[in-house]
Protein backbone atom coordinates (compact mmCIF):
# COMPACT_ATOMS: atom_id res chain seq x y z
CA MET A 1 135.08 116.48 192.60
CA PHE A 2 132.04 116.52 190.34
CA TRP A 3 129.92 118.24 192.98
CA VAL A 4 132.08 121.36 192.65
CA LEU A 5 131.04 121.69 189.00
CA LEU A 6 127.42 121.39 190.06
CA LEU A 7 128.01 124.05 192.72
CA LEU A 8 129.52 126.42 190.18
CA LEU A 9 126.52 125.86 187.91
CA ALA A 10 124.14 126.58 190.79
CA TRP A 11 125.98 129.81 191.61
CA ALA A 12 125.90 130.90 187.96
CA VAL A 13 122.14 130.33 187.63
CA ALA A 14 121.33 131.96 190.98
CA GLY A 15 123.60 134.95 190.34
CA ALA A 16 122.24 135.61 186.86
CA ALA A 17 118.62 135.40 188.02
CA CYS A 18 119.12 137.67 191.03
CA THR A 19 121.07 140.21 188.97
CA ARG A 20 118.30 140.38 186.39
CA LEU A 21 115.65 140.93 189.06
CA CYS A 22 117.68 143.64 190.79
CA LEU A 23 118.26 145.51 187.53
CA ALA A 24 114.57 145.27 186.63
CA ALA A 25 113.54 146.58 190.05
CA VAL A 26 115.97 149.49 189.77
CA ARG A 27 114.60 150.43 186.34
CA ALA A 28 111.02 150.20 187.61
CA ALA A 29 111.80 152.46 190.56
CA ALA A 30 113.92 154.91 188.55
CA VAL A 31 111.21 157.58 188.54
CA ASP A 32 111.68 161.18 189.55
CA ALA A 33 110.95 161.32 193.26
CA ASP A 34 109.38 164.78 192.79
CA ALA A 35 107.01 163.61 190.06
CA GLY A 36 103.42 164.61 190.61
CA GLN A 37 104.18 167.57 192.90
CA GLY A 38 101.10 169.77 192.96
CA HIS A 39 99.07 167.20 190.99
CA ASP A 40 95.62 166.34 192.31
CA LEU A 41 94.53 162.89 191.23
CA THR A 42 91.19 162.53 189.53
CA LEU A 43 89.03 159.57 190.49
CA TYR A 44 89.87 157.81 187.24
CA GLU A 45 93.60 158.34 187.83
CA ALA A 46 93.31 157.02 191.38
CA ALA A 47 91.42 153.99 190.13
CA PHE A 48 94.07 153.19 187.53
CA LEU A 49 96.96 153.60 189.94
CA SER A 50 95.21 151.40 192.50
CA GLY A 51 93.87 148.62 190.31
CA GLY A 52 94.65 149.24 186.67
CA PRO A 53 92.22 149.39 183.74
CA GLY A 54 89.72 147.03 185.36
CA ARG A 55 89.37 149.30 188.37
CA VAL A 56 88.67 152.26 186.06
CA ALA A 57 85.86 150.29 184.41
CA ASP A 58 84.40 149.30 187.79
CA LEU A 59 84.51 152.88 189.08
CA THR A 60 82.81 154.22 185.96
CA MET A 61 79.98 151.71 186.19
CA VAL A 62 79.48 152.31 189.93
CA SER A 63 79.44 156.08 189.39
CA MET A 64 76.86 155.82 186.60
CA ALA A 65 74.75 153.39 188.65
CA ARG A 66 74.66 155.76 191.64
CA GLN A 67 73.42 158.53 189.32
CA ARG A 68 70.69 156.21 187.99
CA ARG A 69 72.09 156.44 184.48
CA LEU A 70 73.11 152.79 184.38
CA LEU A 71 71.25 149.89 185.94
CA LEU A 72 73.39 147.10 187.33
CA ALA A 73 71.14 144.16 188.12
CA ARG A 74 71.81 141.58 190.81
CA THR A 75 71.97 138.98 188.05
CA GLY A 76 75.11 140.55 186.59
CA TRP A 77 73.53 142.49 183.71
CA ALA A 78 74.11 146.16 182.85
CA THR A 79 71.34 148.23 181.23
CA VAL A 80 71.80 151.74 179.86
CA VAL A 81 69.29 154.26 181.22
CA ASP A 82 70.90 157.46 179.93
CA PRO A 83 72.79 156.88 176.64
CA ARG A 84 74.60 160.24 176.84
CA GLY A 85 77.98 159.72 178.46
CA ARG A 86 79.31 162.70 180.40
CA ASP A 87 82.98 161.92 179.70
CA GLU A 88 85.05 159.60 177.56
CA MET A 89 85.08 156.84 180.18
CA GLU A 90 81.31 156.76 180.40
CA ARG A 91 81.06 156.79 176.62
CA SER A 92 83.45 153.83 176.53
CA VAL A 93 81.20 151.88 178.92
CA ILE A 94 78.09 152.73 176.91
CA GLY A 95 79.85 151.75 173.70
CA ALA A 96 80.96 148.45 175.26
CA ILE A 97 77.38 147.65 176.22
CA GLY A 98 76.38 148.03 172.58
CA PRO A 99 73.43 149.41 170.64
CA GLY A 100 71.03 147.04 172.36
CA GLY A 101 71.55 148.92 175.60
CA GLN A 102 72.04 145.77 177.66
CA SER A 103 74.90 143.38 178.27
CA ARG A 104 76.48 141.28 180.98
CA ILE A 105 78.88 143.20 183.22
CA ALA A 106 81.94 140.98 182.63
CA PRO A 107 82.29 141.62 178.85
CA VAL A 108 81.55 145.32 179.39
CA ARG A 109 84.39 145.51 181.87
CA ALA A 110 86.75 143.62 179.56
CA ALA A 111 85.95 145.87 176.59
CA THR A 112 86.29 149.06 178.64
CA GLU A 113 89.73 147.99 179.88
CA THR A 114 91.09 148.09 176.33
CA ALA A 115 89.25 151.25 175.22
CA ASP A 116 91.19 154.22 173.86
CA ALA A 117 90.12 156.34 176.83
CA VAL A 118 91.74 153.98 179.32
CA ARG A 119 94.89 153.60 177.24
CA GLY A 120 95.16 157.38 176.98
CA LEU A 121 94.78 157.69 180.74
CA ALA A 122 97.56 155.13 181.26
CA ASP A 123 99.87 156.95 178.84
CA ARG A 124 99.33 160.26 180.61
CA LEU A 125 100.08 158.76 184.02
CA VAL A 126 103.24 157.09 182.73
CA SER A 127 104.39 160.34 181.14
CA ALA A 128 103.80 162.16 184.43
CA GLY A 129 105.91 159.59 186.29
CA LEU A 130 102.95 158.40 188.37
CA ALA A 131 102.43 154.98 186.76
CA VAL A 132 104.88 152.21 186.02
CA PRO A 133 105.30 151.48 182.29
CA ASP A 134 103.86 148.17 181.19
CA GLY A 135 107.28 146.93 180.09
CA ALA A 136 108.72 147.52 183.55
CA ARG A 137 105.88 145.61 185.20
CA THR A 138 106.46 142.69 182.82
CA THR A 139 110.23 142.73 183.38
CA VAL A 140 109.95 142.66 187.17
CA ALA A 141 107.40 139.85 187.06
CA ALA A 142 109.63 137.85 184.72
CA GLY A 143 112.60 138.47 187.01
CA VAL A 144 110.71 137.16 190.02
CA ARG A 145 109.70 134.04 188.12
CA GLN A 146 113.30 133.46 187.03
CA VAL A 147 114.58 133.73 190.61
CA ARG A 148 111.94 131.25 191.75
CA LEU A 149 113.04 128.83 189.05
CA ALA A 150 116.65 129.38 190.06
CA ALA A 151 115.81 128.46 193.67
CA VAL A 152 114.21 125.23 192.48
CA PHE A 153 117.19 124.52 190.22
CA VAL A 154 119.70 125.05 193.02
CA SER A 155 117.74 122.73 195.29
CA ALA A 156 117.57 120.05 192.61
CA VAL A 157 121.27 120.29 191.77
CA GLY A 158 122.17 120.17 195.45
CA ALA A 159 120.05 117.06 195.90
CA VAL A 160 121.81 115.41 192.95
CA ALA A 161 125.22 116.26 194.42
CA LEU A 162 124.26 114.72 197.75
CA LEU A 163 122.71 111.59 196.31
CA MET A 164 125.30 110.79 193.66
CA PRO A 165 127.87 108.09 194.59
CA THR A 166 131.40 109.17 195.30
CA VAL A 167 133.68 108.98 192.26
CA SER A 168 137.00 109.87 193.81
CA ALA A 169 138.89 109.76 197.08
CA ALA A 170 138.56 113.52 197.39
CA ASP A 171 134.77 113.23 197.16
CA SER A 172 134.69 110.50 199.79
CA ASP A 173 136.69 112.69 202.20
CA MET A 174 134.20 115.57 201.92
CA PRO A 175 131.36 115.29 204.47
CA ARG A 176 127.96 115.43 202.86
CA GLY A 177 126.84 117.96 205.43
CA LEU A 178 129.54 120.34 204.24
CA ILE A 179 128.47 119.81 200.62
CA ALA A 180 124.89 120.65 201.60
CA LEU A 181 126.12 123.81 203.32
CA TRP A 182 127.90 124.95 200.16
CA PHE A 183 124.70 124.52 198.14
CA ALA A 184 122.71 126.29 200.84
CA LEU A 185 124.57 129.52 200.05
CA PRO A 186 123.21 130.09 196.50
CA LEU A 187 119.82 128.89 197.71
CA ALA A 188 119.92 131.50 200.49
CA LEU A 189 120.81 134.13 197.88
CA THR A 190 117.74 133.37 195.77
CA LEU A 191 115.38 133.17 198.74
CA SER A 192 116.64 136.43 200.25
CA CYS A 193 116.31 138.13 196.85
CA LEU A 194 112.70 136.97 196.64
CA ALA A 195 112.02 138.19 200.18
CA ILE A 196 113.44 141.63 199.41
CA ALA A 197 111.46 141.82 196.17
CA ARG A 198 108.31 140.91 198.06
CA VAL A 199 108.80 143.80 200.49
CA GLU A 200 110.37 146.46 198.30
CA VAL A 201 109.01 145.81 194.80
CA HIS A 202 105.59 144.19 195.09
CA PRO A 203 103.68 147.04 196.79
CA TYR A 204 104.15 149.61 194.02
CA THR A 205 105.33 148.10 190.79
CA ARG A 206 102.02 146.68 189.60
CA TRP A 207 100.53 150.03 188.56
CA ALA A 208 101.65 153.03 190.62
CA SER A 209 105.19 154.35 190.79
CA PRO A 210 106.52 155.53 194.18
CA ALA A 211 105.32 159.05 193.35
CA GLY A 212 101.90 157.71 192.36
CA GLN A 213 101.70 155.67 195.54
CA ARG A 214 102.43 158.79 197.57
CA LEU A 215 99.60 160.69 195.88
CA LEU A 216 97.25 157.77 196.44
CA GLY A 217 98.02 157.83 200.15
CA ALA A 218 97.35 161.56 200.34
CA LEU A 219 94.06 161.14 198.45
CA ALA A 220 92.91 158.37 200.79
CA ARG A 221 93.70 160.50 203.84
CA ARG A 222 91.80 163.48 202.45
CA ALA A 223 88.81 161.28 201.63
CA GLY A 224 88.84 159.86 205.13
CA GLY A 225 88.97 163.34 206.63
CA ARG A 226 86.04 164.53 204.53
CA GLY A 227 84.04 161.47 205.50
CA ARG A 228 84.62 162.08 209.23
CA ALA A 229 83.78 165.77 208.85
CA GLY A 230 80.55 164.93 207.04
CA ALA A 231 79.57 162.44 209.73
CA ALA A 232 80.26 164.97 212.51
CA GLY A 233 78.73 168.04 210.89
CA GLY A 234 75.94 166.52 208.84
CA THR A 235 77.54 167.45 205.51
CA ALA A 236 76.00 165.54 202.61
CA GLY A 237 75.84 165.68 198.86
CA ALA A 238 78.73 166.03 196.44
CA GLU A 239 81.50 165.73 199.06
CA ASP A 240 80.03 162.53 200.49
CA ASP A 241 79.56 161.07 197.03
CA ARG A 242 83.15 161.89 196.06
CA SER A 243 84.43 160.29 199.27
CA TYR A 244 82.39 157.20 198.48
CA LEU A 245 83.71 157.00 194.91
CA THR A 246 87.24 157.63 196.15
CA SER A 247 86.92 154.55 198.35
CA VAL A 248 85.75 152.54 195.35
CA ALA A 249 88.65 153.86 193.27
CA VAL A 250 91.26 152.96 195.88
CA LEU A 251 89.76 149.76 197.34
CA GLY A 252 87.71 148.39 194.47
CA VAL A 253 84.19 146.98 194.42
CA ARG A 254 84.58 145.65 197.95
CA ALA A 255 84.04 149.26 199.08
CA VAL A 256 80.59 149.32 197.43
CA GLY A 257 77.97 149.71 200.13
CA GLU A 258 74.70 149.12 198.25
CA PRO A 259 73.61 145.46 198.50
CA ASP A 260 72.25 145.38 194.93
CA LEU A 261 75.49 146.75 193.48
CA ARG A 262 77.58 144.35 195.54
CA ALA A 263 75.46 141.46 194.31
CA ALA A 264 75.85 142.60 190.69
CA PHE A 265 79.64 142.64 190.90
CA ALA A 266 79.75 139.46 192.95
CA HIS A 267 77.69 137.72 190.24
CA ARG A 268 80.16 139.06 187.66
CA GLU A 269 83.09 137.56 189.57
CA HIS A 270 81.43 134.18 189.83
């Protein structure tokens, strides 16, 4: 019964892959549930937890552009208007643009992502239990890929078992439908593991830990409340600008309302 050996091999591959993914997900989620209590996220922290280093670079450029200290042209070029950065993130953007004071947005974003200021921000968030360590993100992603490969392997081995000619009387007595059912079990294991990972792991293991995700939700609700209050009572100024930048931090450049800024980032993406 050669197909039994193939079945055992399929179970071994599927079991090992699913076990690795489960362990990686547990390690990624093993963060103090009370982490971040009493911590108010800054805009840069919210941007990192929502979209990583690239989101921090985008937020910094949008903030400087709204203050007319950085010109983002519709053609995808960034021009420094005020060379004095007000914090380390702004100084990183200005340094990435270079001494000429002008550069395309895409390389500025790429250089800012790897700047010391962004790496320091990431380290602080990881230490506070609000961000997922880079190693954990890589391990979970590798585990998901391995489970996907295991599902393909089980399907291929099952197909071989069904298509191979019978080599013994015992094989000939076994209905092929029953053989297919046996191979469907490890395949169901891999597919269900992927489905659970999609629901339970994917939403928060890219950048924010569960505690960081909770703080992001609270920040978004506060920003929404301030925006509604401003619209009802005519409040303008710093609160409105912070609500706007909070939306950019959490949602990315798609939250940018100015047509010229949207065109600049759209040109960068193309």
